[in-house]
Amino acid sequence: MKADVRGVEKVIKALANRRRLLVVKYLHRKGKAAVGDIAEEIKLSFPSTSRHLSILYAADLLEREQTSTTINYSLIQPHHPALRVILSIL
């Protein structure tokens, strides 16, 4: 039970940020996107966007795929229950 609570806490903390919510909203709409495209969409620098993506990835909300020098991110399917609720609000 404690592991479940910790997992939910990690997800909620990862989603408790305006920029990360914008990332999730964009990826939900787009499906898959490169870091540079996400940075442009949320109007943030590449390094800052990478940091936010790393937090979402560490919370097991995103998956990533590297092709050459490009890293593409997408939302993990099926979505975490907390993420489903957030997406229904966004």
PDB file of N, CA and C in Angstrom:
ATOM      1  N   MET A   1       0.819  -1.198   0.000  1.00  0.00           N
ATOM      2  CA  MET A   1       0.000   0.000   0.000  1.00  0.00           C
ATOM      3  C   MET A   1       0.858   1.257   0.000  1.00  0.00           C
ATOM      4  N   LYS A   2       1.930   1.268   0.808  1.00  0.00           N
ATOM      5  CA  LYS A   2       2.791   2.452   0.862  1.00  0.00           C
ATOM      6  C   LYS A   2       3.408   2.752  -0.501  1.00  0.00           C
ATOM      7  N   ALA A   3       3.778   1.703  -1.230  1.00  0.00           N
ATOM      8  CA  ALA A   3       4.364   1.909  -2.557  1.00  0.00           C
ATOM      9  C   ALA A   3       3.364   2.589  -3.480  1.00  0.00           C
ATOM     10  N   ASP A   4       2.089   2.190  -3.400  1.00  0.00           N
ATOM     11  CA  ASP A   4       1.055   2.819  -4.228  1.00  0.00           C
ATOM     12  C   ASP A   4       0.901   4.292  -3.884  1.00  0.00           C
ATOM     13  N   VAL A   5       0.897   4.608  -2.602  1.00  0.00           N
ATOM     14  CA  VAL A   5       0.760   5.997  -2.157  1.00  0.00           C
ATOM     15  C   VAL A   5       1.964   6.814  -2.622  1.00  0.00           C
ATOM     16  N   ARG A   6       3.138   6.258  -2.506  1.00  0.00           N
ATOM     17  CA  ARG A   6       4.341   6.959  -2.956  1.00  0.00           C
ATOM     18  C   ARG A   6       4.321   7.188  -4.458  1.00  0.00           C
ATOM     19  N   GLY A   7       3.849   6.195  -5.192  1.00  0.00           N
ATOM     20  CA  GLY A   7       3.760   6.335  -6.646  1.00  0.00           C
ATOM     21  C   GLY A   7       2.798   7.440  -7.046  1.00  0.00           C
ATOM     22  N   VAL A   8       1.649   7.482  -6.386  1.00  0.00           N
ATOM     23  CA  VAL A   8       0.667   8.529  -6.672  1.00  0.00           C
ATOM     24  C   VAL A   8       1.231   9.887  -6.286  1.00  0.00           C
ATOM     25  N   GLU A   9       1.923   9.948  -5.148  1.00  0.00           N
ATOM     26  CA  GLU A   9       2.533  11.210  -4.724  1.00  0.00           C
ATOM     27  C   GLU A   9       3.544  11.704  -5.761  1.00  0.00           C
ATOM     28  N   LYS A  10       4.347  10.802  -6.291  1.00  0.00           N
ATOM     29  CA  LYS A  10       5.350  11.162  -7.291  1.00  0.00           C
ATOM     30  C   LYS A  10       4.690  11.725  -8.553  1.00  0.00           C
ATOM     31  N   VAL A  11       3.604  11.096  -8.979  1.00  0.00           N
ATOM     32  CA  VAL A  11       2.881  11.557 -10.160  1.00  0.00           C
ATOM     33  C   VAL A  11       2.266  12.928  -9.917  1.00  0.00           C
ATOM     34  N   ILE A  12       1.623  13.091  -8.764  1.00  0.00           N
ATOM     35  CA  ILE A  12       0.978  14.369  -8.451  1.00  0.00           C
ATOM     36  C   ILE A  12       2.012  15.493  -8.371  1.00  0.00           C
ATOM     37  N   LYS A  13       3.143  15.218  -7.746  1.00  0.00           N
ATOM     38  CA  LYS A  13       4.199  16.233  -7.674  1.00  0.00           C
ATOM     39  C   LYS A  13       4.723  16.587  -9.063  1.00  0.00           C
ATOM     40  N   ALA A  14       4.850  15.577  -9.916  1.00  0.00           N
ATOM     41  CA  ALA A  14       5.331  15.834 -11.284  1.00  0.00           C
ATOM     42  C   ALA A  14       4.335  16.687 -12.053  1.00  0.00           C
ATOM     43  N   LEU A  15       3.059  16.511 -11.797  1.00  0.00           N
ATOM     44  CA  LEU A  15       2.028  17.258 -12.525  1.00  0.00           C
ATOM     45  C   LEU A  15       1.699  18.604 -11.888  1.00  0.00           C
ATOM     46  N   ALA A  16       2.256  18.870 -10.722  1.00  0.00           N
ATOM     47  CA  ALA A  16       1.948  20.102 -10.002  1.00  0.00           C
ATOM     48  C   ALA A  16       2.823  21.262 -10.461  1.00  0.00           C
ATOM     49  N   ASN A  17       2.845  21.491 -11.765  1.00  0.00           N
ATOM     50  CA  ASN A  17       3.647  22.562 -12.334  1.00  0.00           C
ATOM     51  C   ASN A  17       2.999  22.994 -13.647  1.00  0.00           C
ATOM     52  N   ARG A  18       2.844  24.286 -13.819  1.00  0.00           N
ATOM     53  CA  ARG A  18       2.173  24.823 -15.008  1.00  0.00           C
ATOM     54  C   ARG A  18       2.843  24.386 -16.302  1.00  0.00           C
ATOM     55  N   ARG A  19       4.156  24.446 -16.364  1.00  0.00           N
ATOM     56  CA  ARG A  19       4.878  24.074 -17.594  1.00  0.00           C
ATOM     57  C   ARG A  19       4.715  22.596 -17.907  1.00  0.00           C
ATOM     58  N   ARG A  20       4.789  21.754 -16.876  1.00  0.00           N
ATOM     59  CA  ARG A  20       4.636  20.321 -17.106  1.00  0.00           C
ATOM     60  C   ARG A  20       3.214  19.978 -17.526  1.00  0.00           C
ATOM     61  N   LEU A  21       2.249  20.713 -17.000  1.00  0.00           N
ATOM     62  CA  LEU A  21       0.868  20.519 -17.453  1.00  0.00           C
ATOM     63  C   LEU A  21       0.731  20.885 -18.927  1.00  0.00           C
ATOM     64  N   LEU A  22       1.418  21.949 -19.342  1.00  0.00           N
ATOM     65  CA  LEU A  22       1.399  22.326 -20.755  1.00  0.00           C
ATOM     66  C   LEU A  22       2.040  21.247 -21.626  1.00  0.00           C
ATOM     67  N   VAL A  23       3.109  20.649 -21.129  1.00  0.00           N
ATOM     68  CA  VAL A  23       3.777  19.559 -21.858  1.00  0.00           C
ATOM     69  C   VAL A  23       2.812  18.391 -22.024  1.00  0.00           C
ATOM     70  N   VAL A  24       2.162  17.998 -20.943  1.00  0.00           N
ATOM     71  CA  VAL A  24       1.225  16.873 -20.978  1.00  0.00           C
ATOM     72  C   VAL A  24       0.071  17.170 -21.934  1.00  0.00           C
ATOM     73  N   LYS A  25      -0.455  18.357 -21.856  1.00  0.00           N
ATOM     74  CA  LYS A  25      -1.562  18.753 -22.738  1.00  0.00           C
ATOM     75  C   LYS A  25      -1.127  18.684 -24.211  1.00  0.00           C
ATOM     76  N   TYR A  26       0.066  19.200 -24.496  1.00  0.00           N
ATOM     77  CA  TYR A  26       0.585  19.197 -25.866  1.00  0.00           C
ATOM     78  C   TYR A  26       0.805  17.772 -26.371  1.00  0.00           C
ATOM     79  N   LEU A  27       1.420  16.927 -25.548  1.00  0.00           N
ATOM     80  CA  LEU A  27       1.684  15.552 -25.969  1.00  0.00           C
ATOM     81  C   LEU A  27       0.391  14.752 -26.112  1.00  0.00           C
ATOM     82  N   HIS A  28      -0.585  15.064 -25.326  1.00  0.00           N
ATOM     83  CA  HIS A  28      -1.888  14.400 -25.453  1.00  0.00           C
ATOM     84  C   HIS A  28      -2.511  14.733 -26.814  1.00  0.00           C
ATOM     85  N   ARG A  29      -2.357  15.975 -27.214  1.00  0.00           N
ATOM     86  CA  ARG A  29      -2.902  16.425 -28.502  1.00  0.00           C
ATOM     87  C   ARG A  29      -2.053  15.937 -29.676  1.00  0.00           C
ATOM     88  N   LYS A  30      -0.740  16.016 -29.536  1.00  0.00           N
ATOM     89  CA  LYS A  30       0.194  15.746 -30.629  1.00  0.00           C
ATOM     90  C   LYS A  30       0.535  14.261 -30.775  1.00  0.00           C
ATOM     91  N   GLY A  31       0.614  13.561 -29.660  1.00  0.00           N
ATOM     92  CA  GLY A  31       1.000  12.145 -29.692  1.00  0.00           C
ATOM     93  C   GLY A  31       2.452  11.935 -29.350  1.00  0.00           C
ATOM     94  N   LYS A  32       3.335  12.453 -30.192  1.00  0.00           N
ATOM     95  CA  LYS A  32       4.783  12.322 -29.981  1.00  0.00           C
ATOM     96  C   LYS A  32       5.436  13.598 -30.474  1.00  0.00           C
ATOM     97  N   ALA A  33       6.470  14.061 -29.756  1.00  0.00           N
ATOM     98  CA  ALA A  33       7.142  15.291 -30.176  1.00  0.00           C
ATOM     99  C   ALA A  33       8.576  15.317 -29.665  1.00  0.00           C
ATOM    100  N   ALA A  34       9.413  16.019 -30.413  1.00  0.00           N
ATOM    101  CA  ALA A  34      10.815  16.217 -30.036  1.00  0.00           C
ATOM    102  C   ALA A  34      10.920  17.324 -28.991  1.00  0.00           C
ATOM    103  N   VAL A  35      12.003  17.312 -28.246  1.00  0.00           N
ATOM    104  CA  VAL A  35      12.213  18.293 -27.188  1.00  0.00           C
ATOM    105  C   VAL A  35      12.118  19.720 -27.732  1.00  0.00           C
ATOM    106  N   GLY A  36      12.749  19.973 -28.859  1.00  0.00           N
ATOM    107  CA  GLY A  36      12.717  21.318 -29.440  1.00  0.00           C
ATOM    108  C   GLY A  36      11.320  21.781 -29.791  1.00  0.00           C
ATOM    109  N   ASP A  37      10.510  20.886 -30.310  1.00  0.00           N
ATOM    110  CA  ASP A  37       9.123  21.221 -30.645  1.00  0.00           C
ATOM    111  C   ASP A  37       8.311  21.515 -29.390  1.00  0.00           C
ATOM    112  N   ILE A  38       8.533  20.719 -28.357  1.00  0.00           N
ATOM    113  CA  ILE A  38       7.835  20.940 -27.086  1.00  0.00           C
ATOM    114  C   ILE A  38       8.258  22.277 -26.492  1.00  0.00           C
ATOM    115  N   ALA A  39       9.561  22.558 -26.522  1.00  0.00           N
ATOM    116  CA  ALA A  39      10.077  23.824 -25.987  1.00  0.00           C
ATOM    117  C   ALA A  39       9.454  25.017 -26.702  1.00  0.00           C
ATOM    118  N   GLU A  40       9.345  24.914 -28.008  1.00  0.00           N
ATOM    119  CA  GLU A  40       8.749  25.993 -28.792  1.00  0.00           C
ATOM    120  C   GLU A  40       7.270  26.169 -28.428  1.00  0.00           C
ATOM    121  N   GLU A  41       6.566  25.073 -28.281  1.00  0.00           N
ATOM    122  CA  GLU A  41       5.139  25.113 -27.961  1.00  0.00           C
ATOM    123  C   GLU A  41       4.868  25.753 -26.601  1.00  0.00           C
ATOM    124  N   ILE A  42       5.684  25.402 -25.596  1.00  0.00           N
ATOM    125  CA  ILE A  42       5.435  25.925 -24.250  1.00  0.00           C
ATOM    126  C   ILE A  42       6.239  27.193 -23.956  1.00  0.00           C
ATOM    127  N   LYS A  43       6.949  27.676 -24.985  1.00  0.00           N
ATOM    128  CA  LYS A  43       7.709  28.929 -24.893  1.00  0.00           C
ATOM    129  C   LYS A  43       8.700  28.920 -23.720  1.00  0.00           C
ATOM    130  N   LEU A  44       9.582  27.919 -23.775  1.00  0.00           N
ATOM    131  CA  LEU A  44      10.590  27.743 -22.741  1.00  0.00           C
ATOM    132  C   LEU A  44      11.883  27.301 -23.411  1.00  0.00           C
ATOM    133  N   SER A  45      13.002  27.550 -22.770  1.00  0.00           N
ATOM    134  CA  SER A  45      14.284  27.159 -23.345  1.00  0.00           C
ATOM    135  C   SER A  45      14.392  25.635 -23.448  1.00  0.00           C
ATOM    136  N   PHE A  46      15.267  25.204 -24.331  1.00  0.00           N
ATOM    137  CA  PHE A  46      15.502  23.774 -24.537  1.00  0.00           C
ATOM    138  C   PHE A  46      15.957  23.099 -23.235  1.00  0.00           C
ATOM    139  N   PRO A  47      16.959  23.653 -22.518  1.00  0.00           N
ATOM    140  CA  PRO A  47      17.400  22.994 -21.271  1.00  0.00           C
ATOM    141  C   PRO A  47      16.311  22.927 -20.204  1.00  0.00           C
ATOM    142  N   SER A  48      15.534  23.980 -20.056  1.00  0.00           N
ATOM    143  CA  SER A  48      14.451  23.962 -19.062  1.00  0.00           C
ATOM    144  C   SER A  48      13.378  22.949 -19.437  1.00  0.00           C
ATOM    145  N   THR A  49      13.061  22.879 -20.720  1.00  0.00           N
ATOM    146  CA  THR A  49      12.081  21.906 -21.192  1.00  0.00           C
ATOM    147  C   THR A  49      12.591  20.486 -20.947  1.00  0.00           C
ATOM    148  N   SER A  50      13.855  20.249 -21.206  1.00  0.00           N
ATOM    149  CA  SER A  50      14.449  18.930 -20.955  1.00  0.00           C
ATOM    150  C   SER A  50      14.327  18.544 -19.485  1.00  0.00           C
ATOM    151  N   ARG A  51      14.535  19.507 -18.609  1.00  0.00           N
ATOM    152  CA  ARG A  51      14.421  19.245 -17.164  1.00  0.00           C
ATOM    153  C   ARG A  51      12.987  18.841 -16.807  1.00  0.00           C
ATOM    154  N   HIS A  52      12.010  19.560 -17.338  1.00  0.00           N
ATOM    155  CA  HIS A  52      10.604  19.219 -17.067  1.00  0.00           C
ATOM    156  C   HIS A  52      10.257  17.849 -17.637  1.00  0.00           C
ATOM    157  N   LEU A  53      10.758  17.545 -18.814  1.00  0.00           N
ATOM    158  CA  LEU A  53      10.508  16.235 -19.422  1.00  0.00           C
ATOM    159  C   LEU A  53      11.137  15.117 -18.584  1.00  0.00           C
ATOM    160  N   SER A  54      12.304  15.376 -18.032  1.00  0.00           N
ATOM    161  CA  SER A  54      12.972  14.381 -17.182  1.00  0.00           C
ATOM    162  C   SER A  54      12.148  14.081 -15.934  1.00  0.00           C
ATOM    163  N   ILE A  55      11.538  15.101 -15.371  1.00  0.00           N
ATOM    164  CA  ILE A  55      10.695  14.916 -14.180  1.00  0.00           C
ATOM    165  C   ILE A  55       9.471  14.080 -14.529  1.00  0.00           C
ATOM    166  N   LEU A  56       8.836  14.380 -15.647  1.00  0.00           N
ATOM    167  CA  LEU A  56       7.665  13.607 -16.078  1.00  0.00           C
ATOM    168  C   LEU A  56       8.054  12.169 -16.424  1.00  0.00           C
ATOM    169  N   TYR A  57       9.221  12.006 -17.018  1.00  0.00           N
ATOM    170  CA  TYR A  57       9.724  10.676 -17.369  1.00  0.00           C
ATOM    171  C   TYR A  57      10.017   9.869 -16.096  1.00  0.00           C
ATOM    172  N   ALA A  58      10.638  10.499 -15.121  1.00  0.00           N
ATOM    173  CA  ALA A  58      10.962   9.830 -13.858  1.00  0.00           C
ATOM    174  C   ALA A  58       9.705   9.416 -13.097  1.00  0.00           C
ATOM    175  N   ALA A  59       8.604  10.119 -13.326  1.00  0.00           N
ATOM    176  CA  ALA A  59       7.332   9.780 -12.684  1.00  0.00           C
ATOM    177  C   ALA A  59       6.565   8.720 -13.489  1.00  0.00           C
ATOM    178  N   ASP A  60       7.204   8.168 -14.500  1.00  0.00           N
ATOM    179  CA  ASP A  60       6.603   7.132 -15.355  1.00  0.00           C
ATOM    180  C   ASP A  60       5.354   7.613 -16.086  1.00  0.00           C
ATOM    181  N   LEU A  61       5.364   8.884 -16.499  1.00  0.00           N
ATOM    182  CA  LEU A  61       4.256   9.435 -17.269  1.00  0.00           C
ATOM    183  C   LEU A  61       4.590   9.514 -18.753  1.00  0.00           C
ATOM    184  N   LEU A  62       5.889   9.540 -19.058  1.00  0.00           N
ATOM    185  CA  LEU A  62       6.330   9.662 -20.445  1.00  0.00           C
ATOM    186  C   LEU A  62       7.228   8.506 -20.827  1.00  0.00           C
ATOM    187  N   GLU A  63       7.251   8.231 -22.122  1.00  0.00           N
ATOM    188  CA  GLU A  63       8.259   7.335 -22.668  1.00  0.00           C
ATOM    189  C   GLU A  63       9.043   8.135 -23.698  1.00  0.00           C
ATOM    190  N   ARG A  64      10.257   7.711 -23.926  1.00  0.00           N
ATOM    191  CA  ARG A  64      11.088   8.438 -24.891  1.00  0.00           C
ATOM    192  C   ARG A  64      11.739   7.471 -25.853  1.00  0.00           C
ATOM    193  N   GLU A  65      11.996   8.006 -27.020  1.00  0.00           N
ATOM    194  CA  GLU A  65      12.597   7.220 -28.095  1.00  0.00           C
ATOM    195  C   GLU A  65      13.636   8.103 -28.770  1.00  0.00           C
ATOM    196  N   GLN A  66      14.843   7.596 -28.871  1.00  0.00           N
ATOM    197  CA  GLN A  66      15.907   8.367 -29.497  1.00  0.00           C
ATOM    198  C   GLN A  66      16.147   7.878 -30.918  1.00  0.00           C
ATOM    199  N   THR A  67      16.140   8.840 -31.842  1.00  0.00           N
ATOM    200  CA  THR A  67      16.462   8.580 -33.236  1.00  0.00           C
ATOM    201  C   THR A  67      17.595   9.525 -33.601  1.00  0.00           C
ATOM    202  N   SER A  68      18.776   8.965 -33.806  1.00  0.00           N
ATOM    203  CA  SER A  68      19.962   9.772 -34.071  1.00  0.00           C
ATOM    204  C   SER A  68      20.180  10.726 -32.896  1.00  0.00           C
ATOM    205  N   THR A  69      20.121  12.027 -33.120  1.00  0.00           N
ATOM    206  CA  THR A  69      20.337  12.987 -32.042  1.00  0.00           C
ATOM    207  C   THR A  69      19.025  13.556 -31.491  1.00  0.00           C
ATOM    208  N   THR A  70      17.908  13.093 -32.013  1.00  0.00           N
ATOM    209  CA  THR A  70      16.598  13.598 -31.595  1.00  0.00           C
ATOM    210  C   THR A  70      15.944  12.649 -30.602  1.00  0.00           C
ATOM    211  N   ILE A  71      15.435  13.213 -29.511  1.00  0.00           N
ATOM    212  CA  ILE A  71      14.681  12.427 -28.537  1.00  0.00           C
ATOM    213  C   ILE A  71      13.227  12.851 -28.628  1.00  0.00           C
ATOM    214  N   ASN A  72      12.371  11.873 -28.900  1.00  0.00           N
ATOM    215  CA  ASN A  72      10.930  12.113 -28.974  1.00  0.00           C
ATOM    216  C   ASN A  72      10.268  11.585 -27.713  1.00  0.00           C
ATOM    217  N   TYR A  73       9.320  12.346 -27.200  1.00  0.00           N
ATOM    218  CA  TYR A  73       8.577  11.961 -26.009  1.00  0.00           C
ATOM    219  C   TYR A  73       7.120  11.752 -26.357  1.00  0.00           C
ATOM    220  N   SER A  74       6.489  10.845 -25.623  1.00  0.00           N
ATOM    221  CA  SER A  74       5.051  10.627 -25.746  1.00  0.00           C
ATOM    222  C   SER A  74       4.528  10.176 -24.385  1.00  0.00           C
ATOM    223  N   LEU A  75       3.225  10.293 -24.198  1.00  0.00           N
ATOM    224  CA  LEU A  75       2.608   9.854 -22.958  1.00  0.00           C
ATOM    225  C   LEU A  75       2.543   8.334 -22.946  1.00  0.00           C
ATOM    226  N   ILE A  76       2.838   7.734 -21.801  1.00  0.00           N
ATOM    227  CA  ILE A  76       2.748   6.288 -21.656  1.00  0.00           C
ATOM    228  C   ILE A  76       1.278   5.885 -21.731  1.00  0.00           C
ATOM    229  N   GLN A  77       1.028   4.812 -22.475  1.00  0.00           N
ATOM    230  CA  GLN A  77      -0.322   4.262 -22.593  1.00  0.00           C
ATOM    231  C   GLN A  77      -0.376   2.944 -21.846  1.00  0.00           C
ATOM    232  N   PRO A  78      -1.388   2.579 -21.126  1.00  0.00           N
ATOM    233  CA  PRO A  78      -2.497   3.464 -20.773  1.00  0.00           C
ATOM    234  C   PRO A  78      -2.036   4.504 -19.766  1.00  0.00           C
ATOM    235  N   HIS A  79      -2.743   5.607 -19.709  1.00  0.00           N
ATOM    236  CA  HIS A  79      -2.379   6.696 -18.815  1.00  0.00           C
ATOM    237  C   HIS A  79      -2.570   6.295 -17.348  1.00  0.00           C
ATOM    238  N   HIS A  80      -1.715   6.866 -16.515  1.00  0.00           N
ATOM    239  CA  HIS A  80      -1.869   6.724 -15.070  1.00  0.00           C
ATOM    240  C   HIS A  80      -3.230   7.320 -14.692  1.00  0.00           C
ATOM    241  N   PRO A  81      -3.947   6.725 -13.728  1.00  0.00           N
ATOM    242  CA  PRO A  81      -5.267   7.260 -13.350  1.00  0.00           C
ATOM    243  C   PRO A  81      -5.259   8.757 -13.001  1.00  0.00           C
ATOM    244  N   ALA A  82      -4.236   9.216 -12.312  1.00  0.00           N
ATOM    245  CA  ALA A  82      -4.156  10.650 -11.966  1.00  0.00           C
ATOM    246  C   ALA A  82      -4.000  11.488 -13.239  1.00  0.00           C
ATOM    247  N   LEU A  83      -3.253  10.983 -14.196  1.00  0.00           N
ATOM    248  CA  LEU A  83      -3.064  11.709 -15.453  1.00  0.00           C
ATOM    249  C   LEU A  83      -4.370  11.757 -16.251  1.00  0.00           C
ATOM    250  N   ARG A  84      -5.131  10.672 -16.212  1.00  0.00           N
ATOM    251  CA  ARG A  84      -6.429  10.667 -16.898  1.00  0.00           C
ATOM    252  C   ARG A  84      -7.337  11.766 -16.345  1.00  0.00           C
ATOM    253  N   VAL A  85      -7.333  11.919 -15.042  1.00  0.00           N
ATOM    254  CA  VAL A  85      -8.158  12.969 -14.421  1.00  0.00           C
ATOM    255  C   VAL A  85      -7.679  14.342 -14.860  1.00  0.00           C
ATOM    256  N   ILE A  86      -6.369  14.557 -14.838  1.00  0.00           N
ATOM    257  CA  ILE A  86      -5.811  15.851 -15.254  1.00  0.00           C
ATOM    258  C   ILE A  86      -6.155  16.136 -16.704  1.00  0.00           C
ATOM    259  N   LEU A  87      -6.021  15.153 -17.574  1.00  0.00           N
ATOM    260  CA  LEU A  87      -6.316  15.344 -18.991  1.00  0.00           C
ATOM    261  C   LEU A  87      -7.796  15.667 -19.215  1.00  0.00           C
ATOM    262  N   SER A  88      -8.661  15.124 -18.397  1.00  0.00           N
ATOM    263  CA  SER A  88     -10.089  15.424 -18.534  1.00  0.00           C
ATOM    264  C   SER A  88     -10.389  16.870 -18.142  1.00  0.00           C
ATOM    265  N   ILE A  89      -9.552  17.434 -17.283  1.00  0.00           N
ATOM    266  CA  ILE A  89      -9.725  18.834 -16.861  1.00  0.00           C
ATOM    267  C   ILE A  89      -9.109  19.793 -17.869  1.00  0.00           C
ATOM    268  N   LEU A  90      -7.951  19.401 -18.428  1.00  0.00           N
ATOM    269  CA  LEU A  90      -7.269  20.270 -19.382  1.00  0.00           C
ATOM    270  C   LEU A  90      -8.025  20.310 -20.676  1.00  0.00           C
TER     271      LEU A  90
END
